[in-house]
């Protein structure tokens, strides 16, 4: 979450749930400059600070949201090209899926 810690604003929200409140993390994508927001649970952020892996701390976030927190970038075309080399077909990430899971996409990669 180095990108988020250095480039985003953290705001406590849902304070009525304290100590199980949430954090709204607002920032801009490093590569596009577009605004992005992610909400994480305070206890999960604490776990991350204690050294837990990001995918274990925030399983409810999409891969895209986790990558925003880590690096601020999401290059779908790079993901697709990597899949072509590894699998022989284009596959990408459904960036809008609630579970953030992989799926087959149509692509122009060759």
C-alpha atoms as a PDB file:
ATOM      1  CA  UNK A   1       0.000   0.000   0.000  1.00  0.00           C
ATOM      2  CA  UNK A   2       2.979   2.237  -0.458  1.00  0.00           C
ATOM      3  CA  UNK A   3       1.248   4.257  -3.167  1.00  0.00           C
ATOM      4  CA  UNK A   4      -1.831   4.904  -1.025  1.00  0.00           C
ATOM      5  CA  UNK A   5       0.177   5.834   2.074  1.00  0.00           C
ATOM      6  CA  UNK A   6       2.237   8.371   0.125  1.00  0.00           C
ATOM      7  CA  UNK A   7      -0.300   9.739  -2.354  1.00  0.00           C
ATOM      8  CA  UNK A   8      -3.829   9.377  -0.982  1.00  0.00           C
ATOM      9  CA  UNK A   9      -6.024  10.884   1.704  1.00  0.00           C
ATOM     10  CA  UNK A  10      -7.387   8.613   4.436  1.00  0.00           C
ATOM     11  CA  UNK A  11     -10.663   9.679   6.082  1.00  0.00           C
ATOM     12  CA  UNK A  12     -12.373   7.827   8.927  1.00  0.00           C
ATOM     13  CA  UNK A  13     -16.011   7.090   8.096  1.00  0.00           C
ATOM     14  CA  UNK A  14     -18.828   5.245   9.875  1.00  0.00           C
ATOM     15  CA  UNK A  15     -17.502   6.400  13.233  1.00  0.00           C
ATOM     16  CA  UNK A  16     -20.664   5.144  14.917  1.00  0.00           C
ATOM     17  CA  UNK A  17     -19.219   1.639  14.397  1.00  0.00           C
ATOM     18  CA  UNK A  18     -15.941   2.410  16.223  1.00  0.00           C
ATOM     19  CA  UNK A  19     -13.611   0.648  16.690  1.00  0.00           C
ATOM     20  CA  UNK A  20     -14.869  -1.176  13.591  1.00  0.00           C
ATOM     21  CA  UNK A  21     -15.177   1.978  11.507  1.00  0.00           C
ATOM     22  CA  UNK A  22     -14.033   2.256   7.901  1.00  0.00           C
ATOM     23  CA  UNK A  23     -11.500   4.341   6.012  1.00  0.00           C
ATOM     24  CA  UNK A  24     -12.284   6.110   2.759  1.00  0.00           C
ATOM     25  CA  UNK A  25      -9.074   6.277   0.725  1.00  0.00           C
ATOM     26  CA  UNK A  26      -9.128   8.899  -2.044  1.00  0.00           C
ATOM     27  CA  UNK A  27      -6.458   9.487  -4.627  1.00  0.00           C
ATOM     28  CA  UNK A  28      -5.616   9.676  -8.304  1.00  0.00           C
ATOM     29  CA  UNK A  29      -4.416   6.895 -10.573  1.00  0.00           C
ATOM     30  CA  UNK A  30      -0.696   7.404 -11.143  1.00  0.00           C
ATOM     31  CA  UNK A  31      -0.920   6.553 -14.846  1.00  0.00           C
ATOM     32  CA  UNK A  32      -4.138   8.390 -15.806  1.00  0.00           C
ATOM     33  CA  UNK A  33      -4.627  11.049 -13.143  1.00  0.00           C
ATOM     34  CA  UNK A  34      -8.283  10.011 -12.723  1.00  0.00           C
ATOM     35  CA  UNK A  35      -9.817  10.083  -9.243  1.00  0.00           C
ATOM     36  CA  UNK A  36     -10.360   6.794  -7.428  1.00  0.00           C
ATOM     37  CA  UNK A  37     -11.834   5.843  -4.068  1.00  0.00           C
ATOM     38  CA  UNK A  38     -11.546   2.687  -1.990  1.00  0.00           C
ATOM     39  CA  UNK A  39     -13.227   1.883   1.341  1.00  0.00           C
ATOM     40  CA  UNK A  40     -11.460  -0.480   3.743  1.00  0.00           C
ATOM     41  CA  UNK A  41     -12.369  -1.663   7.224  1.00  0.00           C
ATOM     42  CA  UNK A  42     -10.230  -0.263  10.036  1.00  0.00           C
ATOM     43  CA  UNK A  43      -9.472  -3.677  11.622  1.00  0.00           C
ATOM     44  CA  UNK A  44      -8.260  -4.921   8.228  1.00  0.00           C
ATOM     45  CA  UNK A  45      -6.003  -1.890   7.793  1.00  0.00           C
ATOM     46  CA  UNK A  46      -4.556  -2.652  11.227  1.00  0.00           C
ATOM     47  CA  UNK A  47      -3.837  -6.232  10.106  1.00  0.00           C
ATOM     48  CA  UNK A  48      -2.039  -4.859   7.048  1.00  0.00           C
ATOM     49  CA  UNK A  49       0.105  -2.626   9.274  1.00  0.00           C
ATOM     50  CA  UNK A  50       0.993  -5.735  11.293  1.00  0.00           C
ATOM     51  CA  UNK A  51       2.459  -7.404   8.181  1.00  0.00           C
ATOM     52  CA  UNK A  52      -0.444  -9.431   6.761  1.00  0.00           C
ATOM     53  CA  UNK A  53      -0.630  -9.781   2.967  1.00  0.00           C
ATOM     54  CA  UNK A  54      -2.915  -7.291   1.229  1.00  0.00           C
ATOM     55  CA  UNK A  55      -5.050 -10.007  -0.410  1.00  0.00           C
ATOM     56  CA  UNK A  56      -5.660 -11.554   3.010  1.00  0.00           C
ATOM     57  CA  UNK A  57      -6.482  -8.236   4.669  1.00  0.00           C
ATOM     58  CA  UNK A  58      -8.871  -6.973   2.014  1.00  0.00           C
ATOM     59  CA  UNK A  59     -10.437 -10.007   0.268  1.00  0.00           C
ATOM     60  CA  UNK A  60     -13.545  -7.892  -0.442  1.00  0.00           C
ATOM     61  CA  UNK A  61     -11.578  -5.492  -2.667  1.00  0.00           C
ATOM     62  CA  UNK A  62     -11.172  -6.168  -6.368  1.00  0.00           C
ATOM     63  CA  UNK A  63      -7.715  -6.832  -7.779  1.00  0.00           C
ATOM     64  CA  UNK A  64      -7.913  -3.411  -9.371  1.00  0.00           C
ATOM     65  CA  UNK A  65      -8.602  -1.685  -6.030  1.00  0.00           C
ATOM     66  CA  UNK A  66      -5.770  -3.554  -4.313  1.00  0.00           C
ATOM     67  CA  UNK A  67      -3.386  -2.620  -7.126  1.00  0.00           C
ATOM     68  CA  UNK A  68      -4.433   1.013  -6.760  1.00  0.00           C
ATOM     69  CA  UNK A  69      -3.430   0.897  -3.095  1.00  0.00           C
ATOM     70  CA  UNK A  70      -0.104  -0.773  -3.919  1.00  0.00           C
ATOM     71  CA  UNK A  71       1.090   1.024  -7.049  1.00  0.00           C
ATOM     72  CA  UNK A  72      -1.586   3.425  -8.302  1.00  0.00           C
ATOM     73  CA  UNK A  73      -1.553   1.770 -11.735  1.00  0.00           C
ATOM     74  CA  UNK A  74      -3.750  -0.690 -13.620  1.00  0.00           C
ATOM     75  CA  UNK A  75      -2.494  -1.601 -17.070  1.00  0.00           C
ATOM     76  CA  UNK A  76      -5.036  -4.033 -18.491  1.00  0.00           C
ATOM     77  CA  UNK A  77      -3.111  -4.443 -21.735  1.00  0.00           C
ATOM     78  CA  UNK A  78      -0.042  -5.677 -19.839  1.00  0.00           C
ATOM     79  CA  UNK A  79      -2.137  -8.248 -17.984  1.00  0.00           C
ATOM     80  CA  UNK A  80      -3.545  -9.500 -21.269  1.00  0.00           C
ATOM     81  CA  UNK A  81      -0.126  -9.780 -22.968  1.00  0.00           C
ATOM     82  CA  UNK A  82       1.224 -11.715 -19.981  1.00  0.00           C
ATOM     83  CA  UNK A  83      -1.721 -14.128 -20.233  1.00  0.00           C
ATOM     84  CA  UNK A  84      -1.027 -14.650 -23.936  1.00  0.00           C
ATOM     85  CA  UNK A  85       2.559 -15.665 -23.167  1.00  0.00           C
ATOM     86  CA  UNK A  86       1.581 -17.932 -20.278  1.00  0.00           C
ATOM     87  CA  UNK A  87      -1.668 -19.468 -21.538  1.00  0.00           C
ATOM     88  CA  UNK A  88      -1.715 -19.060 -25.312  1.00  0.00           C
ATOM     89  CA  UNK A  89      -4.972 -17.095 -25.137  1.00  0.00           C
ATOM     90  CA  UNK A  90      -5.979 -13.663 -23.936  1.00  0.00           C
ATOM     91  CA  UNK A  91      -7.412 -13.465 -20.488  1.00  0.00           C
ATOM     92  CA  UNK A  92      -7.764 -10.443 -18.301  1.00  0.00           C
ATOM     93  CA  UNK A  93      -9.430  -9.329 -15.159  1.00  0.00           C
ATOM     94  CA  UNK A  94     -13.060  -8.362 -14.904  1.00  0.00           C
ATOM     95  CA  UNK A  95     -12.343  -5.038 -13.270  1.00  0.00           C
ATOM     96  CA  UNK A  96     -16.035  -4.513 -12.523  1.00  0.00           C
ATOM     97  CA  UNK A  97     -16.697  -7.924 -10.983  1.00  0.00           C
ATOM     98  CA  UNK A  98     -17.538  -7.865  -7.311  1.00  0.00           C
ATOM     99  CA  UNK A  99     -15.167 -10.742  -6.588  1.00  0.00           C
ATOM    100  CA  UNK A 100     -12.413  -9.383  -8.862  1.00  0.00           C
ATOM    101  CA  UNK A 101     -11.982 -12.840 -10.377  1.00  0.00           C
ATOM    102  CA  UNK A 102     -10.469 -13.664 -13.781  1.00  0.00           C
ATOM    103  CA  UNK A 103     -12.505 -14.197 -16.921  1.00  0.00           C
ATOM    104  CA  UNK A 104     -11.912 -14.584 -20.659  1.00  0.00           C
ATOM    105  CA  UNK A 105     -11.988 -11.363 -22.676  1.00  0.00           C
ATOM    106  CA  UNK A 106     -11.847 -10.513 -26.354  1.00  0.00           C
ATOM    107  CA  UNK A 107      -8.601  -8.747 -27.107  1.00  0.00           C
ATOM    108  CA  UNK A 108      -6.485  -7.502 -29.968  1.00  0.00           C
ATOM    109  CA  UNK A 109      -3.261  -9.023 -28.600  1.00  0.00           C
ATOM    110  CA  UNK A 110      -1.270 -11.035 -31.097  1.00  0.00           C
END
